[in-house]
Amino acid sequence: MRPRTKCHTNNQKSSI
């Protein structure tokens, strides 16, 4: 699990 992916996933969740 890379930090970049985690950030991206978190961002998407926050958007929803």
Protein backbone atom coordinates (compact mmCIF):
# COMPACT_ATOMS: atom_id res chain seq x y z
CA MET A 1 0.00 0.00 0.00
CA ARG A 2 1.68 3.23 -1.13
CA PRO A 3 1.08 6.55 0.65
CA ARG A 4 0.00 8.11 -2.65
CA THR A 5 -2.86 5.62 -3.05
CA LYS A 6 -3.93 6.09 0.54
CA CYS A 7 -4.08 9.86 0.08
CA HIS A 8 -6.09 9.40 -3.11
CA THR A 9 -8.54 7.02 -1.44
CA ASN A 10 -8.96 9.35 1.51
CA ASN A 11 -9.57 12.30 -0.79
CA GLN A 12 -12.26 10.44 -2.70
CA LYS A 13 -14.00 9.33 0.50
CA SER A 14 -14.00 12.90 1.79
CA SER A 15 -15.47 14.09 -1.51
CA ILE A 16 -18.36 11.67 -1.28
